[in-house]
Amino acid sequence: MNAEPGDQVSMSYAHDDEQQREMFDHQLADYVRHHGERWDLTAILEPLDLLGRRVRRVEVGLRRRPDGTLSVTMTFELPSRGT
């Protein structure tokens, strides 16, 4: 994460890594606290939890738009199921 939570931030989530999850939670809380908007983070956390059960790591990008909405991107790699 950037040192100062500005308008955009990037962070990693790893479902099976407790320390990484705690760091993610802390960074997300810092980012949200830094802004005055009251976003419903359930729309981020529920799919992230489901994804995290299936993939090793999810990169999450947050960007506060000028109108106060939060743009969220999640990037991850799907392992091959084998053929």
N, C-alpha and C. Protein backbone atom coordinates (compact mmCIF):
# COMPACT_ATOMS: atom_id res chain seq x y z
N MET A 1 0.84 -1.17 0.00
CA MET A 1 0.00 0.00 0.00
C MET A 1 0.88 1.23 0.00
N ASN A 2 0.38 2.30 -0.57
CA ASN A 2 1.10 3.56 -0.50
C ASN A 2 1.18 4.00 0.96
N ALA A 3 2.22 4.74 1.32
CA ALA A 3 2.39 5.19 2.70
C ALA A 3 1.25 6.08 3.16
N GLU A 4 0.78 6.94 2.31
CA GLU A 4 -0.32 7.87 2.63
C GLU A 4 -1.52 7.46 1.80
N PRO A 5 -2.64 7.08 2.44
CA PRO A 5 -3.80 6.64 1.65
C PRO A 5 -4.44 7.80 0.90
N GLY A 6 -4.04 8.00 -0.35
CA GLY A 6 -4.59 9.08 -1.17
C GLY A 6 -5.85 8.63 -1.86
N ASP A 7 -6.03 9.09 -3.09
CA ASP A 7 -7.23 8.73 -3.83
C ASP A 7 -7.18 7.32 -4.38
N GLN A 8 -5.99 6.73 -4.49
CA GLN A 8 -5.93 5.37 -4.99
C GLN A 8 -4.90 4.57 -4.22
N VAL A 9 -5.20 3.26 -4.10
CA VAL A 9 -4.33 2.38 -3.33
C VAL A 9 -4.43 0.98 -3.92
N SER A 10 -3.37 0.22 -3.73
CA SER A 10 -3.30 -1.15 -4.19
C SER A 10 -2.83 -2.01 -3.03
N MET A 11 -3.46 -3.16 -2.81
CA MET A 11 -3.07 -4.03 -1.70
C MET A 11 -3.35 -5.48 -2.05
N SER A 12 -2.72 -6.39 -1.30
CA SER A 12 -2.85 -7.82 -1.55
C SER A 12 -3.66 -8.50 -0.46
N TYR A 13 -4.43 -9.50 -0.87
CA TYR A 13 -5.23 -10.30 0.05
C TYR A 13 -4.88 -11.77 -0.18
N ALA A 14 -4.54 -12.47 0.87
CA ALA A 14 -4.27 -13.91 0.79
C ALA A 14 -5.11 -14.60 1.86
N HIS A 15 -6.11 -15.33 1.44
CA HIS A 15 -7.09 -15.93 2.35
C HIS A 15 -6.44 -16.84 3.40
N ASP A 16 -5.44 -17.62 2.98
CA ASP A 16 -4.84 -18.60 3.89
C ASP A 16 -3.63 -18.07 4.67
N ASP A 17 -3.34 -16.80 4.55
CA ASP A 17 -2.21 -16.19 5.24
C ASP A 17 -2.75 -15.19 6.26
N GLU A 18 -2.83 -15.59 7.51
CA GLU A 18 -3.45 -14.76 8.55
C GLU A 18 -2.78 -13.39 8.66
N GLN A 19 -1.47 -13.36 8.64
CA GLN A 19 -0.74 -12.09 8.76
C GLN A 19 -1.07 -11.17 7.57
N GLN A 20 -1.11 -11.73 6.37
CA GLN A 20 -1.43 -10.94 5.18
C GLN A 20 -2.87 -10.42 5.25
N ARG A 21 -3.79 -11.25 5.72
CA ARG A 21 -5.19 -10.82 5.85
C ARG A 21 -5.32 -9.69 6.85
N GLU A 22 -4.62 -9.80 7.98
CA GLU A 22 -4.66 -8.73 8.98
C GLU A 22 -4.10 -7.43 8.42
N MET A 23 -3.02 -7.52 7.65
CA MET A 23 -2.43 -6.34 7.03
C MET A 23 -3.42 -5.73 6.04
N PHE A 24 -4.08 -6.58 5.25
CA PHE A 24 -5.08 -6.10 4.31
C PHE A 24 -6.20 -5.37 5.05
N ASP A 25 -6.72 -5.99 6.09
CA ASP A 25 -7.80 -5.37 6.88
C ASP A 25 -7.38 -4.01 7.43
N HIS A 26 -6.17 -3.93 7.94
CA HIS A 26 -5.65 -2.67 8.49
C HIS A 26 -5.53 -1.60 7.39
N GLN A 27 -4.99 -1.99 6.24
CA GLN A 27 -4.82 -1.05 5.14
C GLN A 27 -6.17 -0.57 4.62
N LEU A 28 -7.13 -1.49 4.51
CA LEU A 28 -8.46 -1.12 4.04
C LEU A 28 -9.12 -0.14 5.02
N ALA A 29 -9.02 -0.43 6.30
CA ALA A 29 -9.59 0.45 7.32
C ALA A 29 -8.94 1.83 7.27
N ASP A 30 -7.62 1.89 7.11
CA ASP A 30 -6.92 3.18 7.01
C ASP A 30 -7.40 3.98 5.81
N TYR A 31 -7.56 3.29 4.68
CA TYR A 31 -7.99 3.96 3.45
C TYR A 31 -9.39 4.55 3.63
N VAL A 32 -10.30 3.74 4.16
CA VAL A 32 -11.68 4.19 4.34
C VAL A 32 -11.76 5.33 5.36
N ARG A 33 -11.01 5.20 6.44
CA ARG A 33 -11.01 6.22 7.49
C ARG A 33 -10.49 7.56 6.96
N HIS A 34 -9.56 7.50 6.02
CA HIS A 34 -8.95 8.69 5.44
C HIS A 34 -9.94 9.52 4.63
N HIS A 35 -10.99 8.88 4.12
CA HIS A 35 -11.98 9.56 3.29
C HIS A 35 -13.27 9.75 4.06
N GLY A 36 -14.04 10.76 3.70
CA GLY A 36 -15.27 11.07 4.41
C GLY A 36 -16.48 10.26 3.96
N GLU A 37 -16.37 9.57 2.82
CA GLU A 37 -17.49 8.81 2.30
C GLU A 37 -17.75 7.58 3.18
N ARG A 38 -18.99 7.11 3.15
CA ARG A 38 -19.36 5.92 3.91
C ARG A 38 -19.75 4.83 2.90
N TRP A 39 -18.74 4.10 2.43
CA TRP A 39 -18.97 3.04 1.45
C TRP A 39 -19.39 1.76 2.15
N ASP A 40 -20.25 0.97 1.50
CA ASP A 40 -20.63 -0.35 2.01
C ASP A 40 -19.58 -1.35 1.53
N LEU A 41 -18.68 -1.72 2.42
CA LEU A 41 -17.56 -2.59 2.04
C LEU A 41 -17.95 -4.05 1.88
N THR A 42 -19.19 -4.40 2.21
CA THR A 42 -19.66 -5.77 2.02
C THR A 42 -19.51 -6.19 0.57
N ALA A 43 -19.72 -5.26 -0.35
CA ALA A 43 -19.60 -5.55 -1.78
C ALA A 43 -18.17 -5.90 -2.17
N ILE A 44 -17.20 -5.56 -1.35
CA ILE A 44 -15.80 -5.93 -1.58
C ILE A 44 -15.47 -7.20 -0.81
N LEU A 45 -15.83 -7.24 0.46
CA LEU A 45 -15.38 -8.31 1.35
C LEU A 45 -16.00 -9.68 1.06
N GLU A 46 -17.27 -9.73 0.70
CA GLU A 46 -17.90 -11.03 0.43
C GLU A 46 -17.30 -11.72 -0.79
N PRO A 47 -17.21 -11.04 -1.94
CA PRO A 47 -16.59 -11.73 -3.08
C PRO A 47 -15.10 -12.01 -2.85
N LEU A 48 -14.43 -11.15 -2.11
CA LEU A 48 -13.02 -11.37 -1.82
C LEU A 48 -12.83 -12.64 -1.00
N ASP A 49 -13.69 -12.86 -0.02
CA ASP A 49 -13.62 -14.07 0.78
C ASP A 49 -13.87 -15.31 -0.08
N LEU A 50 -14.86 -15.25 -0.96
CA LEU A 50 -15.14 -16.38 -1.85
C LEU A 50 -13.98 -16.64 -2.81
N LEU A 51 -13.44 -15.59 -3.41
CA LEU A 51 -12.30 -15.73 -4.31
C LEU A 51 -11.10 -16.30 -3.57
N GLY A 52 -10.88 -15.79 -2.38
CA GLY A 52 -9.71 -16.20 -1.60
C GLY A 52 -9.70 -17.68 -1.25
N ARG A 53 -10.85 -18.30 -1.25
CA ARG A 53 -10.92 -19.74 -0.99
C ARG A 53 -10.48 -20.56 -2.20
N ARG A 54 -10.46 -19.93 -3.37
CA ARG A 54 -10.15 -20.65 -4.61
C ARG A 54 -8.82 -20.26 -5.25
N VAL A 55 -8.32 -19.08 -4.93
CA VAL A 55 -7.06 -18.62 -5.52
C VAL A 55 -6.11 -18.20 -4.40
N ARG A 56 -4.82 -18.24 -4.67
CA ARG A 56 -3.82 -17.96 -3.63
C ARG A 56 -3.81 -16.51 -3.18
N ARG A 57 -3.90 -15.60 -4.14
CA ARG A 57 -3.73 -14.18 -3.81
C ARG A 57 -4.62 -13.35 -4.72
N VAL A 58 -5.18 -12.30 -4.15
CA VAL A 58 -6.00 -11.36 -4.91
C VAL A 58 -5.41 -9.97 -4.70
N GLU A 59 -5.12 -9.29 -5.79
CA GLU A 59 -4.66 -7.91 -5.72
C GLU A 59 -5.90 -7.02 -5.82
N VAL A 60 -6.04 -6.12 -4.88
CA VAL A 60 -7.22 -5.25 -4.83
C VAL A 60 -6.77 -3.81 -5.03
N GLY A 61 -7.41 -3.14 -5.97
CA GLY A 61 -7.13 -1.74 -6.22
C GLY A 61 -8.37 -0.91 -5.87
N LEU A 62 -8.17 0.15 -5.14
CA LEU A 62 -9.25 1.06 -4.79
C LEU A 62 -8.91 2.44 -5.33
N ARG A 63 -9.91 3.09 -5.90
CA ARG A 63 -9.69 4.44 -6.40
C ARG A 63 -10.93 5.27 -6.11
N ARG A 64 -10.73 6.32 -5.36
CA ARG A 64 -11.83 7.24 -5.06
C ARG A 64 -12.00 8.17 -6.25
N ARG A 65 -13.17 8.18 -6.82
CA ARG A 65 -13.47 9.06 -7.95
C ARG A 65 -13.83 10.45 -7.42
N PRO A 66 -13.72 11.47 -8.27
CA PRO A 66 -14.03 12.85 -7.83
C PRO A 66 -15.44 13.02 -7.25
N ASP A 67 -16.40 12.19 -7.70
CA ASP A 67 -17.76 12.32 -7.18
C ASP A 67 -17.97 11.57 -5.87
N GLY A 68 -16.89 10.96 -5.34
CA GLY A 68 -16.97 10.28 -4.05
C GLY A 68 -17.25 8.79 -4.14
N THR A 69 -17.54 8.27 -5.34
CA THR A 69 -17.74 6.83 -5.46
C THR A 69 -16.40 6.11 -5.40
N LEU A 70 -16.45 4.84 -5.08
CA LEU A 70 -15.25 4.04 -4.95
C LEU A 70 -15.18 3.04 -6.09
N SER A 71 -14.14 3.11 -6.87
CA SER A 71 -13.90 2.17 -7.95
C SER A 71 -13.01 1.05 -7.41
N VAL A 72 -13.42 -0.20 -7.63
CA VAL A 72 -12.72 -1.35 -7.07
C VAL A 72 -12.33 -2.29 -8.20
N THR A 73 -11.06 -2.70 -8.22
CA THR A 73 -10.62 -3.73 -9.16
C THR A 73 -10.01 -4.86 -8.36
N MET A 74 -10.27 -6.09 -8.82
CA MET A 74 -9.66 -7.27 -8.21
C MET A 74 -8.99 -8.06 -9.31
N THR A 75 -7.72 -8.35 -9.12
CA THR A 75 -6.94 -9.08 -10.10
C THR A 75 -6.43 -10.35 -9.45
N PHE A 76 -6.58 -11.47 -10.15
CA PHE A 76 -6.13 -12.75 -9.61
C PHE A 76 -5.86 -13.71 -10.74
N GLU A 77 -5.14 -14.78 -10.44
CA GLU A 77 -4.84 -15.80 -11.42
C GLU A 77 -5.58 -17.08 -11.06
N LEU A 78 -6.21 -17.66 -12.06
CA LEU A 78 -6.89 -18.94 -11.87
C LEU A 78 -5.95 -20.07 -12.23
N PRO A 79 -5.75 -21.01 -11.32
CA PRO A 79 -4.90 -22.14 -11.65
C PRO A 79 -5.60 -23.04 -12.65
N SER A 80 -4.82 -23.74 -13.42
CA SER A 80 -5.35 -24.69 -14.38
C SER A 80 -5.97 -25.87 -13.64
N ARG A 81 -7.09 -26.34 -14.10
CA ARG A 81 -7.74 -27.50 -13.50
C ARG A 81 -7.17 -28.78 -14.06
N GLY A 82 -6.27 -28.66 -15.01
CA GLY A 82 -5.70 -29.85 -15.65
C GLY A 82 -6.65 -30.40 -16.68
N THR A 83 -6.10 -31.02 -17.67
CA THR A 83 -6.97 -31.58 -18.71
C THR A 83 -6.77 -33.05 -18.85
